[in-house]
Each structure stands twice: as structure tokens, then as C-alpha cells.
Amino acid sequence: MATPAEFLKATTSGTRVVVRHLIEDGRATDSLGYFHLADETHCVVATQRGLETIELAKVIAAKEIPPPPAPRPRAGSAPGSPE
């Protein structure tokens, strides 16, 4: 089984991923978004907050995830829905 860093280095740009990594105070946080690129020391994930550069040495888990669910129509906005 590949390490999280090996997985990220082999991942194709545009793949939706979640990356769990350590932040400065030692706590873990998740970055969820679309994989952009990786080199020997860092990877970049395009999240809703923008591009996040993550040090591979601080990655503790990473995996591909399915696309986000389709947005649900709001009540009253679809034709034929009750008012």
C-alpha cells in the first residue's frame, strides 16, 4: 500500500481528494478539493478557499473522494412543488 505522499505524487490533476495534514500547533486539519500538482516536497489542492500548498512531510492521510452531490432544488423553486 502506498504512503499518503506516494499517493499524492501519483495522483492526476483534477482528481477530487481529501488530505489530512498537521498544522503548526500539531493538530490535524483536512483540505478537501481538487488535486492540482505535487513535487518532491509539497502538493497543491484547489479548495473552496483557494489553492492550498501542503508540505508532504506533514501529510498523515490522503485519498480520492467521489464528486460532490448535485445541489438539491429549494422548496418552492421547482415547477410543481408545493408552496
N, C-alpha and C. Protein backbone atom coordinates (compact mmCIF):
# COMPACT_ATOMS: atom_id res chain seq x y z
N MET A 1 0.85 -1.18 0.00
CA MET A 1 0.00 0.00 0.00
C MET A 1 0.90 1.25 0.00
N ALA A 2 0.52 2.21 -0.81
CA ALA A 2 1.31 3.44 -0.94
C ALA A 2 1.13 4.34 0.28
N THR A 3 2.16 5.09 0.60
CA THR A 3 2.04 6.09 1.66
C THR A 3 1.19 7.24 1.13
N PRO A 4 0.65 8.09 2.02
CA PRO A 4 -0.13 9.24 1.54
C PRO A 4 0.67 10.13 0.57
N ALA A 5 1.94 10.35 0.85
CA ALA A 5 2.77 11.18 -0.04
C ALA A 5 2.92 10.51 -1.40
N GLU A 6 3.14 9.20 -1.42
CA GLU A 6 3.25 8.48 -2.69
C GLU A 6 1.95 8.55 -3.48
N PHE A 7 0.83 8.40 -2.77
CA PHE A 7 -0.48 8.52 -3.42
C PHE A 7 -0.61 9.88 -4.09
N LEU A 8 -0.27 10.95 -3.37
CA LEU A 8 -0.42 12.30 -3.92
C LEU A 8 0.51 12.54 -5.10
N LYS A 9 1.73 12.04 -5.03
CA LYS A 9 2.67 12.22 -6.15
C LYS A 9 2.18 11.52 -7.41
N ALA A 10 1.39 10.45 -7.26
CA ALA A 10 0.89 9.69 -8.40
C ALA A 10 -0.50 10.14 -8.86
N THR A 11 -1.13 11.05 -8.13
CA THR A 11 -2.49 11.47 -8.44
C THR A 11 -2.52 12.40 -9.64
N THR A 12 -3.56 12.26 -10.45
CA THR A 12 -3.74 13.07 -11.64
C THR A 12 -4.40 14.40 -11.28
N SER A 13 -3.94 15.47 -11.91
CA SER A 13 -4.54 16.78 -11.70
C SER A 13 -6.03 16.73 -12.01
N GLY A 14 -6.84 17.34 -11.15
CA GLY A 14 -8.29 17.35 -11.32
C GLY A 14 -9.01 16.31 -10.50
N THR A 15 -8.28 15.39 -9.87
CA THR A 15 -8.88 14.37 -9.01
C THR A 15 -9.35 15.02 -7.72
N ARG A 16 -10.56 14.68 -7.28
CA ARG A 16 -11.07 15.23 -6.02
C ARG A 16 -10.47 14.42 -4.87
N VAL A 17 -9.86 15.12 -3.92
CA VAL A 17 -9.15 14.45 -2.82
C VAL A 17 -9.46 15.13 -1.49
N VAL A 18 -9.18 14.38 -0.43
CA VAL A 18 -9.12 14.96 0.91
C VAL A 18 -7.73 14.61 1.45
N VAL A 19 -7.07 15.63 2.01
CA VAL A 19 -5.72 15.46 2.53
C VAL A 19 -5.72 15.88 4.00
N ARG A 20 -5.40 14.95 4.89
CA ARG A 20 -5.27 15.27 6.31
C ARG A 20 -3.80 15.55 6.59
N HIS A 21 -3.55 16.72 7.19
CA HIS A 21 -2.16 17.11 7.44
C HIS A 21 -2.06 17.88 8.75
N LEU A 22 -0.86 17.92 9.29
CA LEU A 22 -0.62 18.61 10.56
C LEU A 22 -0.39 20.09 10.32
N ILE A 23 -0.96 20.92 11.21
CA ILE A 23 -0.73 22.36 11.14
C ILE A 23 0.27 22.73 12.22
N GLU A 24 0.63 24.01 12.29
CA GLU A 24 1.74 24.46 13.13
C GLU A 24 1.64 24.05 14.59
N ASP A 25 0.44 24.00 15.16
CA ASP A 25 0.33 23.66 16.59
C ASP A 25 0.26 22.15 16.84
N GLY A 26 0.43 21.35 15.78
CA GLY A 26 0.44 19.90 15.94
C GLY A 26 -0.91 19.24 15.74
N ARG A 27 -1.97 20.04 15.62
CA ARG A 27 -3.29 19.47 15.35
C ARG A 27 -3.41 19.11 13.87
N ALA A 28 -4.34 18.21 13.57
CA ALA A 28 -4.57 17.81 12.18
C ALA A 28 -5.75 18.60 11.61
N THR A 29 -5.68 18.86 10.32
CA THR A 29 -6.77 19.51 9.61
C THR A 29 -6.92 18.83 8.26
N ASP A 30 -8.08 18.98 7.65
CA ASP A 30 -8.34 18.39 6.34
C ASP A 30 -8.44 19.47 5.28
N SER A 31 -7.90 19.18 4.12
CA SER A 31 -8.06 20.02 2.94
C SER A 31 -8.81 19.19 1.91
N LEU A 32 -9.99 19.66 1.51
CA LEU A 32 -10.84 18.94 0.57
C LEU A 32 -10.95 19.77 -0.69
N GLY A 33 -10.66 19.16 -1.82
CA GLY A 33 -10.76 19.88 -3.07
C GLY A 33 -10.20 19.06 -4.22
N TYR A 34 -9.78 19.77 -5.25
CA TYR A 34 -9.27 19.12 -6.45
C TYR A 34 -7.75 19.20 -6.48
N PHE A 35 -7.13 18.04 -6.63
CA PHE A 35 -5.68 17.96 -6.68
C PHE A 35 -5.17 18.77 -7.86
N HIS A 36 -4.14 19.56 -7.61
CA HIS A 36 -3.57 20.42 -8.65
C HIS A 36 -2.22 19.87 -9.11
N LEU A 37 -1.26 19.73 -8.17
CA LEU A 37 0.06 19.22 -8.53
C LEU A 37 0.82 18.81 -7.29
N ALA A 38 1.91 18.07 -7.51
CA ALA A 38 2.81 17.69 -6.41
C ALA A 38 4.23 17.62 -6.95
N ASP A 39 5.18 17.97 -6.07
CA ASP A 39 6.59 17.77 -6.38
C ASP A 39 7.17 16.89 -5.28
N GLU A 40 8.43 16.91 -5.07
CA GLU A 40 9.05 16.04 -4.07
C GLU A 40 8.73 16.44 -2.63
N THR A 41 8.34 17.70 -2.39
CA THR A 41 8.16 18.16 -1.01
C THR A 41 6.78 18.73 -0.70
N HIS A 42 6.00 19.11 -1.70
CA HIS A 42 4.71 19.77 -1.47
C HIS A 42 3.67 19.29 -2.48
N CYS A 43 2.41 19.48 -2.12
CA CYS A 43 1.32 19.29 -3.07
C CYS A 43 0.41 20.51 -2.97
N VAL A 44 -0.39 20.70 -4.01
CA VAL A 44 -1.32 21.83 -4.05
C VAL A 44 -2.71 21.28 -4.32
N VAL A 45 -3.68 21.72 -3.48
CA VAL A 45 -5.07 21.32 -3.61
C VAL A 45 -5.90 22.58 -3.79
N ALA A 46 -6.77 22.58 -4.79
CA ALA A 46 -7.67 23.71 -5.03
C ALA A 46 -8.93 23.49 -4.19
N THR A 47 -9.07 24.25 -3.11
CA THR A 47 -10.21 24.14 -2.20
C THR A 47 -11.16 25.30 -2.45
N GLN A 48 -12.27 25.33 -1.72
CA GLN A 48 -13.21 26.45 -1.84
C GLN A 48 -12.57 27.76 -1.38
N ARG A 49 -11.54 27.68 -0.56
CA ARG A 49 -10.85 28.89 -0.06
C ARG A 49 -9.71 29.32 -0.98
N GLY A 50 -9.43 28.55 -2.01
CA GLY A 50 -8.34 28.86 -2.92
C GLY A 50 -7.31 27.74 -2.93
N LEU A 51 -6.16 28.00 -3.54
CA LEU A 51 -5.11 26.99 -3.61
C LEU A 51 -4.42 26.85 -2.26
N GLU A 52 -4.30 25.61 -1.78
CA GLU A 52 -3.60 25.34 -0.52
C GLU A 52 -2.36 24.51 -0.83
N THR A 53 -1.21 25.01 -0.41
CA THR A 53 0.05 24.29 -0.56
C THR A 53 0.32 23.54 0.74
N ILE A 54 0.54 22.23 0.62
CA ILE A 54 0.69 21.36 1.79
C ILE A 54 2.04 20.68 1.72
N GLU A 55 2.77 20.72 2.82
CA GLU A 55 4.06 20.04 2.90
C GLU A 55 3.82 18.54 3.02
N LEU A 56 4.38 17.76 2.11
CA LEU A 56 4.15 16.31 2.10
C LEU A 56 4.61 15.64 3.39
N ALA A 57 5.64 16.15 4.02
CA ALA A 57 6.13 15.56 5.27
C ALA A 57 5.10 15.68 6.39
N LYS A 58 4.13 16.58 6.26
CA LYS A 58 3.11 16.77 7.29
C LYS A 58 1.79 16.08 6.96
N VAL A 59 1.73 15.40 5.81
CA VAL A 59 0.52 14.68 5.41
C VAL A 59 0.45 13.37 6.18
N ILE A 60 -0.70 13.13 6.84
CA ILE A 60 -0.87 11.87 7.58
C ILE A 60 -1.87 10.93 6.92
N ALA A 61 -2.68 11.45 5.99
CA ALA A 61 -3.62 10.61 5.24
C ALA A 61 -4.07 11.38 4.01
N ALA A 62 -4.39 10.63 2.96
CA ALA A 62 -4.90 11.24 1.73
C ALA A 62 -5.65 10.17 0.95
N LYS A 63 -6.74 10.57 0.33
CA LYS A 63 -7.48 9.62 -0.50
C LYS A 63 -8.32 10.36 -1.52
N GLU A 64 -8.66 9.62 -2.58
CA GLU A 64 -9.58 10.14 -3.58
C GLU A 64 -10.99 10.05 -3.03
N ILE A 65 -11.81 11.03 -3.35
CA ILE A 65 -13.20 11.01 -2.89
C ILE A 65 -14.11 11.25 -4.09
N PRO A 66 -15.38 10.83 -3.99
CA PRO A 66 -16.30 11.00 -5.12
C PRO A 66 -16.65 12.46 -5.34
N PRO A 67 -17.21 12.76 -6.50
CA PRO A 67 -17.64 14.14 -6.78
C PRO A 67 -18.68 14.59 -5.76
N PRO A 68 -18.80 15.91 -5.58
CA PRO A 68 -19.81 16.39 -4.64
C PRO A 68 -21.21 16.05 -5.14
N PRO A 69 -22.18 15.92 -4.24
CA PRO A 69 -23.54 15.64 -4.68
C PRO A 69 -24.11 16.82 -5.45
N ALA A 70 -25.04 16.53 -6.34
CA ALA A 70 -25.71 17.60 -7.09
C ALA A 70 -26.51 18.46 -6.13
N PRO A 71 -26.57 19.76 -6.37
CA PRO A 71 -27.37 20.61 -5.49
C PRO A 71 -28.84 20.23 -5.55
N ARG A 72 -29.49 20.27 -4.41
CA ARG A 72 -30.92 19.96 -4.36
C ARG A 72 -31.71 21.24 -4.59
N PRO A 73 -32.81 21.15 -5.35
CA PRO A 73 -33.62 22.35 -5.53
C PRO A 73 -34.26 22.77 -4.21
N ARG A 74 -34.36 24.05 -4.01
CA ARG A 74 -35.01 24.56 -2.80
C ARG A 74 -36.51 24.42 -2.92
N ALA A 75 -37.17 24.22 -1.80
CA ALA A 75 -38.63 24.09 -1.80
C ALA A 75 -39.25 25.32 -2.43
N GLY A 76 -40.20 25.10 -3.33
CA GLY A 76 -40.89 26.21 -3.96
C GLY A 76 -40.19 26.74 -5.20
N SER A 77 -38.99 26.26 -5.50
CA SER A 77 -38.28 26.79 -6.67
C SER A 77 -38.47 25.91 -7.90
N ALA A 78 -38.89 24.67 -7.72
CA ALA A 78 -39.08 23.78 -8.86
C ALA A 78 -40.53 23.83 -9.31
N PRO A 79 -40.76 23.71 -10.61
CA PRO A 79 -42.15 23.69 -11.09
C PRO A 79 -42.90 22.52 -10.47
N GLY A 80 -44.11 22.78 -10.05
CA GLY A 80 -44.94 21.74 -9.48
C GLY A 80 -44.70 21.46 -8.01
N SER A 81 -43.79 22.19 -7.38
CA SER A 81 -43.54 21.96 -5.96
C SER A 81 -44.57 22.72 -5.14
N PRO A 82 -44.93 22.18 -3.98
CA PRO A 82 -45.93 22.85 -3.14
C PRO A 82 -45.42 24.19 -2.62
N GLU A 83 -46.33 25.11 -2.47
CA GLU A 83 -45.94 26.44 -1.97
C GLU A 83 -46.18 26.59 -0.51
